[in-house]
Amino acid sequence: MLESLMVLMVLAAMVAAGLAVLTISAGLLLSAGFICAALGVLFGVPAGLWYHLRLREALLHRPPLPDKWWLHPTRYRPDLEPSERKRVFPWFYLGAAGFMVSMLGALLAMLGVLRFV
């Protein structure tokens, strides 16, 4: 079910991108792309940082963390208690949403550049 939804979302995004190239001016696509990317970074990066800090805080009373634990933090998620998950995961989701918004901005900017050509 989830896979079908993902395929439909990708197809809808492809159709929307094609329509955007045909109907929206290059300048507007570029502007919207840069604004979208900036907004995604502005709320995604702090949320991602806060996620890492919250995860570290939750994992500190367990066995010592390796030096570069933050490079692959997802491997430590199974160690979290349900109450800790409630404090940590919203920041992960917010950071992931910020990343997706910034990628949407990059896509819009790319479409704007392609429209110029």
N, C-alpha and C. Protein backbone atom coordinates (compact mmCIF):
# COMPACT_ATOMS: atom_id res chain seq x y z
N MET A 1 0.82 -1.19 0.00
CA MET A 1 0.00 0.00 0.00
C MET A 1 0.86 1.26 0.00
N LEU A 2 1.85 1.28 0.89
CA LEU A 2 2.73 2.44 0.98
C LEU A 2 3.53 2.63 -0.32
N GLU A 3 3.97 1.53 -0.91
CA GLU A 3 4.72 1.60 -2.15
C GLU A 3 3.86 2.17 -3.27
N SER A 4 2.61 1.77 -3.32
CA SER A 4 1.70 2.30 -4.35
C SER A 4 1.50 3.80 -4.18
N LEU A 5 1.37 4.23 -2.94
CA LEU A 5 1.23 5.66 -2.67
C LEU A 5 2.48 6.43 -3.11
N MET A 6 3.63 5.85 -2.85
CA MET A 6 4.88 6.50 -3.25
C MET A 6 4.99 6.61 -4.77
N VAL A 7 4.60 5.56 -5.47
CA VAL A 7 4.63 5.60 -6.95
C VAL A 7 3.68 6.66 -7.46
N LEU A 8 2.48 6.74 -6.89
CA LEU A 8 1.52 7.75 -7.32
C LEU A 8 2.04 9.16 -7.04
N MET A 9 2.71 9.35 -5.92
CA MET A 9 3.26 10.67 -5.60
C MET A 9 4.37 11.05 -6.58
N VAL A 10 5.22 10.10 -6.94
CA VAL A 10 6.29 10.39 -7.91
C VAL A 10 5.69 10.72 -9.27
N LEU A 11 4.68 9.97 -9.69
CA LEU A 11 4.02 10.26 -10.97
C LEU A 11 3.36 11.63 -10.95
N ALA A 12 2.70 11.96 -9.86
CA ALA A 12 2.06 13.27 -9.74
C ALA A 12 3.10 14.38 -9.78
N ALA A 13 4.24 14.15 -9.14
CA ALA A 13 5.31 15.15 -9.14
C ALA A 13 5.87 15.34 -10.55
N MET A 14 5.99 14.26 -11.30
CA MET A 14 6.49 14.35 -12.67
C MET A 14 5.51 15.12 -13.56
N VAL A 15 4.23 14.85 -13.41
CA VAL A 15 3.22 15.58 -14.18
C VAL A 15 3.23 17.05 -13.79
N ALA A 16 3.31 17.33 -12.49
CA ALA A 16 3.33 18.72 -12.02
C ALA A 16 4.57 19.44 -12.54
N ALA A 17 5.71 18.77 -12.56
CA ALA A 17 6.93 19.39 -13.08
C ALA A 17 6.79 19.70 -14.56
N GLY A 18 6.21 18.79 -15.31
CA GLY A 18 5.99 19.05 -16.74
C GLY A 18 5.06 20.21 -16.97
N LEU A 19 3.98 20.27 -16.21
CA LEU A 19 3.05 21.40 -16.34
C LEU A 19 3.69 22.71 -15.90
N ALA A 20 4.53 22.65 -14.88
CA ALA A 20 5.20 23.86 -14.41
C ALA A 20 6.12 24.42 -15.49
N VAL A 21 6.85 23.55 -16.17
CA VAL A 21 7.75 24.00 -17.23
C VAL A 21 6.97 24.63 -18.37
N LEU A 22 5.79 24.11 -18.64
CA LEU A 22 5.00 24.62 -19.77
C LEU A 22 4.26 25.91 -19.44
N THR A 23 3.90 26.11 -18.19
CA THR A 23 2.98 27.22 -17.88
C THR A 23 3.59 28.35 -17.04
N ILE A 24 4.63 28.08 -16.29
CA ILE A 24 5.17 29.09 -15.38
C ILE A 24 6.46 29.66 -15.97
N SER A 25 6.64 30.97 -15.83
CA SER A 25 7.83 31.61 -16.39
C SER A 25 9.09 31.14 -15.66
N ALA A 26 10.22 31.26 -16.36
CA ALA A 26 11.50 30.82 -15.81
C ALA A 26 11.86 31.63 -14.57
N GLY A 27 11.64 32.92 -14.61
CA GLY A 27 11.97 33.75 -13.45
C GLY A 27 11.18 33.38 -12.22
N LEU A 28 9.89 33.10 -12.42
CA LEU A 28 9.06 32.71 -11.29
C LEU A 28 9.48 31.34 -10.74
N LEU A 29 9.82 30.41 -11.62
CA LEU A 29 10.30 29.11 -11.16
C LEU A 29 11.59 29.25 -10.36
N LEU A 30 12.52 30.07 -10.87
CA LEU A 30 13.77 30.28 -10.15
C LEU A 30 13.53 30.92 -8.79
N SER A 31 12.72 31.94 -8.76
CA SER A 31 12.44 32.62 -7.49
C SER A 31 11.78 31.68 -6.49
N ALA A 32 10.77 30.96 -6.95
CA ALA A 32 10.08 30.02 -6.07
C ALA A 32 11.04 28.93 -5.59
N GLY A 33 11.91 28.49 -6.48
CA GLY A 33 12.88 27.46 -6.10
C GLY A 33 13.84 27.93 -5.04
N PHE A 34 14.38 29.13 -5.21
CA PHE A 34 15.33 29.65 -4.23
C PHE A 34 14.65 29.91 -2.88
N ILE A 35 13.44 30.44 -2.92
CA ILE A 35 12.71 30.69 -1.67
C ILE A 35 12.40 29.39 -0.95
N CYS A 36 11.93 28.42 -1.72
CA CYS A 36 11.58 27.11 -1.15
C CYS A 36 12.83 26.43 -0.56
N ALA A 37 13.93 26.48 -1.28
CA ALA A 37 15.17 25.87 -0.78
C ALA A 37 15.63 26.57 0.48
N ALA A 38 15.57 27.88 0.50
CA ALA A 38 16.00 28.63 1.68
C ALA A 38 15.13 28.32 2.89
N LEU A 39 13.82 28.27 2.69
CA LEU A 39 12.92 27.95 3.80
C LEU A 39 13.16 26.54 4.33
N GLY A 40 13.37 25.61 3.41
CA GLY A 40 13.65 24.24 3.82
C GLY A 40 14.91 24.13 4.65
N VAL A 41 15.94 24.85 4.24
CA VAL A 41 17.19 24.83 4.99
C VAL A 41 17.03 25.55 6.33
N LEU A 42 16.30 26.67 6.32
CA LEU A 42 16.14 27.46 7.54
C LEU A 42 15.42 26.71 8.66
N PHE A 43 14.45 25.85 8.32
CA PHE A 43 13.82 25.11 9.41
C PHE A 43 14.29 23.66 9.47
N GLY A 44 14.86 23.13 8.41
CA GLY A 44 15.30 21.74 8.41
C GLY A 44 16.62 21.52 9.13
N VAL A 45 17.57 22.42 8.91
CA VAL A 45 18.89 22.25 9.54
C VAL A 45 18.82 22.39 11.06
N PRO A 46 18.17 23.45 11.60
CA PRO A 46 18.06 23.51 13.06
C PRO A 46 17.29 22.32 13.65
N ALA A 47 16.25 21.88 12.96
CA ALA A 47 15.49 20.72 13.46
C ALA A 47 16.36 19.47 13.45
N GLY A 48 17.16 19.29 12.40
CA GLY A 48 18.06 18.14 12.34
C GLY A 48 19.12 18.20 13.43
N LEU A 49 19.63 19.38 13.70
CA LEU A 49 20.60 19.54 14.78
C LEU A 49 19.94 19.23 16.13
N TRP A 50 18.75 19.73 16.34
CA TRP A 50 18.05 19.48 17.59
C TRP A 50 17.72 17.98 17.75
N TYR A 51 17.40 17.31 16.63
CA TYR A 51 17.17 15.86 16.65
C TYR A 51 18.42 15.14 17.16
N HIS A 52 19.58 15.51 16.60
CA HIS A 52 20.81 14.85 17.03
C HIS A 52 21.12 15.12 18.50
N LEU A 53 20.86 16.34 18.95
CA LEU A 53 21.09 16.66 20.36
C LEU A 53 20.15 15.88 21.28
N ARG A 54 18.88 15.80 20.88
CA ARG A 54 17.90 15.03 21.68
C ARG A 54 18.23 13.55 21.69
N LEU A 55 18.66 13.01 20.55
CA LEU A 55 19.03 11.60 20.48
C LEU A 55 20.24 11.33 21.36
N ARG A 56 21.23 12.20 21.30
CA ARG A 56 22.41 12.05 22.15
C ARG A 56 22.03 12.09 23.62
N GLU A 57 21.16 13.02 23.97
CA GLU A 57 20.71 13.13 25.35
C GLU A 57 20.02 11.84 25.81
N ALA A 58 19.22 11.26 24.93
CA ALA A 58 18.51 10.03 25.28
C ALA A 58 19.45 8.83 25.38
N LEU A 59 20.54 8.85 24.62
CA LEU A 59 21.44 7.70 24.60
C LEU A 59 22.60 7.81 25.59
N LEU A 60 22.75 8.92 26.25
CA LEU A 60 23.90 9.11 27.14
C LEU A 60 23.92 8.17 28.33
N HIS A 61 22.76 7.74 28.84
CA HIS A 61 22.77 6.87 30.02
C HIS A 61 22.88 5.39 29.63
N ARG A 62 23.18 5.12 28.41
CA ARG A 62 23.41 3.75 27.94
C ARG A 62 24.92 3.54 27.77
N PRO A 63 25.31 2.37 27.25
CA PRO A 63 26.75 2.17 27.02
C PRO A 63 27.34 3.31 26.18
N PRO A 64 28.61 3.56 26.34
CA PRO A 64 29.23 4.72 25.67
C PRO A 64 29.01 4.69 24.15
N LEU A 65 28.75 5.87 23.62
CA LEU A 65 28.57 6.01 22.18
C LEU A 65 29.92 6.07 21.49
N PRO A 66 30.01 5.50 20.29
CA PRO A 66 31.27 5.65 19.54
C PRO A 66 31.51 7.11 19.19
N ASP A 67 32.73 7.44 18.81
CA ASP A 67 33.09 8.83 18.52
C ASP A 67 32.23 9.44 17.41
N LYS A 68 31.99 8.74 16.36
CA LYS A 68 31.25 9.30 15.22
C LYS A 68 29.84 8.69 15.11
N TRP A 69 29.17 8.57 16.23
CA TRP A 69 27.82 7.99 16.26
C TRP A 69 26.85 8.81 15.42
N TRP A 70 27.06 10.10 15.32
CA TRP A 70 26.14 11.01 14.65
C TRP A 70 26.15 10.83 13.13
N LEU A 71 27.14 10.11 12.59
CA LEU A 71 27.15 9.86 11.15
C LEU A 71 26.07 8.87 10.73
N HIS A 72 25.74 7.94 11.61
CA HIS A 72 24.71 6.94 11.35
C HIS A 72 23.81 6.80 12.58
N PRO A 73 23.03 7.83 12.90
CA PRO A 73 22.26 7.80 14.14
C PRO A 73 21.09 6.83 14.11
N THR A 74 20.65 6.41 12.94
CA THR A 74 19.47 5.55 12.88
C THR A 74 19.73 4.17 13.49
N ARG A 75 20.96 3.75 13.56
CA ARG A 75 21.22 2.42 14.14
C ARG A 75 20.98 2.39 15.65
N TYR A 76 20.85 3.57 16.27
CA TYR A 76 20.63 3.63 17.71
C TYR A 76 19.15 3.80 18.07
N ARG A 77 18.30 3.94 17.08
CA ARG A 77 16.87 4.13 17.36
C ARG A 77 16.22 2.97 18.09
N PRO A 78 16.55 1.72 17.76
CA PRO A 78 15.91 0.61 18.49
C PRO A 78 16.17 0.64 19.99
N ASP A 79 17.23 1.32 20.42
CA ASP A 79 17.57 1.39 21.84
C ASP A 79 16.68 2.36 22.61
N LEU A 80 15.89 3.16 21.93
CA LEU A 80 15.10 4.19 22.60
C LEU A 80 13.84 3.61 23.23
N GLU A 81 13.52 4.13 24.40
CA GLU A 81 12.27 3.80 25.07
C GLU A 81 11.13 4.56 24.38
N PRO A 82 9.88 4.10 24.51
CA PRO A 82 8.75 4.82 23.89
C PRO A 82 8.66 6.29 24.31
N SER A 83 8.94 6.59 25.57
CA SER A 83 8.87 7.99 26.01
C SER A 83 9.98 8.82 25.35
N GLU A 84 11.14 8.20 25.14
CA GLU A 84 12.24 8.91 24.48
C GLU A 84 11.93 9.12 23.00
N ARG A 85 11.28 8.15 22.39
CA ARG A 85 10.90 8.29 20.98
C ARG A 85 9.98 9.50 20.78
N LYS A 86 9.07 9.71 21.73
CA LYS A 86 8.15 10.84 21.62
C LYS A 86 8.87 12.18 21.69
N ARG A 87 10.00 12.22 22.37
CA ARG A 87 10.78 13.46 22.45
C ARG A 87 11.73 13.64 21.28
N VAL A 88 12.19 12.53 20.68
CA VAL A 88 13.22 12.59 19.64
C VAL A 88 12.63 12.63 18.24
N PHE A 89 11.67 11.78 17.95
CA PHE A 89 11.21 11.59 16.57
C PHE A 89 10.53 12.80 15.93
N PRO A 90 9.77 13.62 16.67
CA PRO A 90 9.19 14.79 15.98
C PRO A 90 10.26 15.68 15.34
N TRP A 91 11.41 15.80 15.97
CA TRP A 91 12.49 16.62 15.41
C TRP A 91 13.08 15.95 14.18
N PHE A 92 13.13 14.62 14.19
CA PHE A 92 13.59 13.91 13.00
C PHE A 92 12.66 14.16 11.83
N TYR A 93 11.35 14.05 12.08
CA TYR A 93 10.38 14.26 11.01
C TYR A 93 10.39 15.69 10.50
N LEU A 94 10.55 16.65 11.39
CA LEU A 94 10.62 18.05 10.98
C LEU A 94 11.87 18.32 10.15
N GLY A 95 12.99 17.75 10.55
CA GLY A 95 14.22 17.89 9.77
C GLY A 95 14.10 17.23 8.40
N ALA A 96 13.47 16.06 8.35
CA ALA A 96 13.25 15.38 7.07
C ALA A 96 12.32 16.20 6.18
N ALA A 97 11.30 16.80 6.76
CA ALA A 97 10.39 17.65 5.97
C ALA A 97 11.14 18.87 5.43
N GLY A 98 12.03 19.45 6.24
CA GLY A 98 12.83 20.56 5.76
C GLY A 98 13.73 20.15 4.61
N PHE A 99 14.29 18.97 4.69
CA PHE A 99 15.12 18.46 3.60
C PHE A 99 14.29 18.30 2.33
N MET A 100 13.08 17.75 2.47
CA MET A 100 12.23 17.56 1.29
C MET A 100 11.82 18.91 0.68
N VAL A 101 11.54 19.90 1.51
CA VAL A 101 11.18 21.23 1.00
C VAL A 101 12.37 21.84 0.27
N SER A 102 13.57 21.67 0.80
CA SER A 102 14.75 22.20 0.12
C SER A 102 15.01 21.47 -1.20
N MET A 103 14.74 20.17 -1.26
CA MET A 103 14.88 19.43 -2.51
C MET A 103 13.83 19.87 -3.53
N LEU A 104 12.63 20.16 -3.06
CA LEU A 104 11.60 20.70 -3.95
C LEU A 104 12.06 22.04 -4.52
N GLY A 105 12.66 22.87 -3.67
CA GLY A 105 13.19 24.14 -4.14
C GLY A 105 14.28 23.95 -5.18
N ALA A 106 15.15 22.99 -4.96
CA ALA A 106 16.20 22.71 -5.95
C ALA A 106 15.59 22.25 -7.26
N LEU A 107 14.56 21.43 -7.18
CA LEU A 107 13.88 20.97 -8.40
C LEU A 107 13.24 22.14 -9.14
N LEU A 108 12.57 23.02 -8.43
CA LEU A 108 11.95 24.18 -9.07
C LEU A 108 13.00 25.07 -9.70
N ALA A 109 14.11 25.30 -9.00
CA ALA A 109 15.18 26.12 -9.57
C ALA A 109 15.76 25.47 -10.81
N MET A 110 15.92 24.16 -10.78
CA MET A 110 16.43 23.44 -11.95
C MET A 110 15.46 23.58 -13.12
N LEU A 111 14.17 23.47 -12.85
CA LEU A 111 13.19 23.63 -13.91
C LEU A 111 13.23 25.03 -14.47
N GLY A 112 13.47 26.02 -13.62
CA GLY A 112 13.60 27.40 -14.09
C GLY A 112 14.79 27.58 -15.00
N VAL A 113 15.91 26.96 -14.64
CA VAL A 113 17.10 27.04 -15.48
C VAL A 113 16.84 26.34 -16.82
N LEU A 114 16.21 25.19 -16.79
CA LEU A 114 15.90 24.48 -18.04
C LEU A 114 14.95 25.28 -18.92
N ARG A 115 14.09 26.01 -18.29
CA ARG A 115 13.15 26.85 -19.05
C ARG A 115 13.88 27.98 -19.76
N PHE A 116 14.97 28.50 -19.17
CA PHE A 116 15.77 29.54 -19.81
C PHE A 116 16.45 29.03 -21.08
N VAL A 117 16.83 27.77 -21.08
CA VAL A 117 17.61 27.20 -22.19
C VAL A 117 16.77 27.00 -23.42
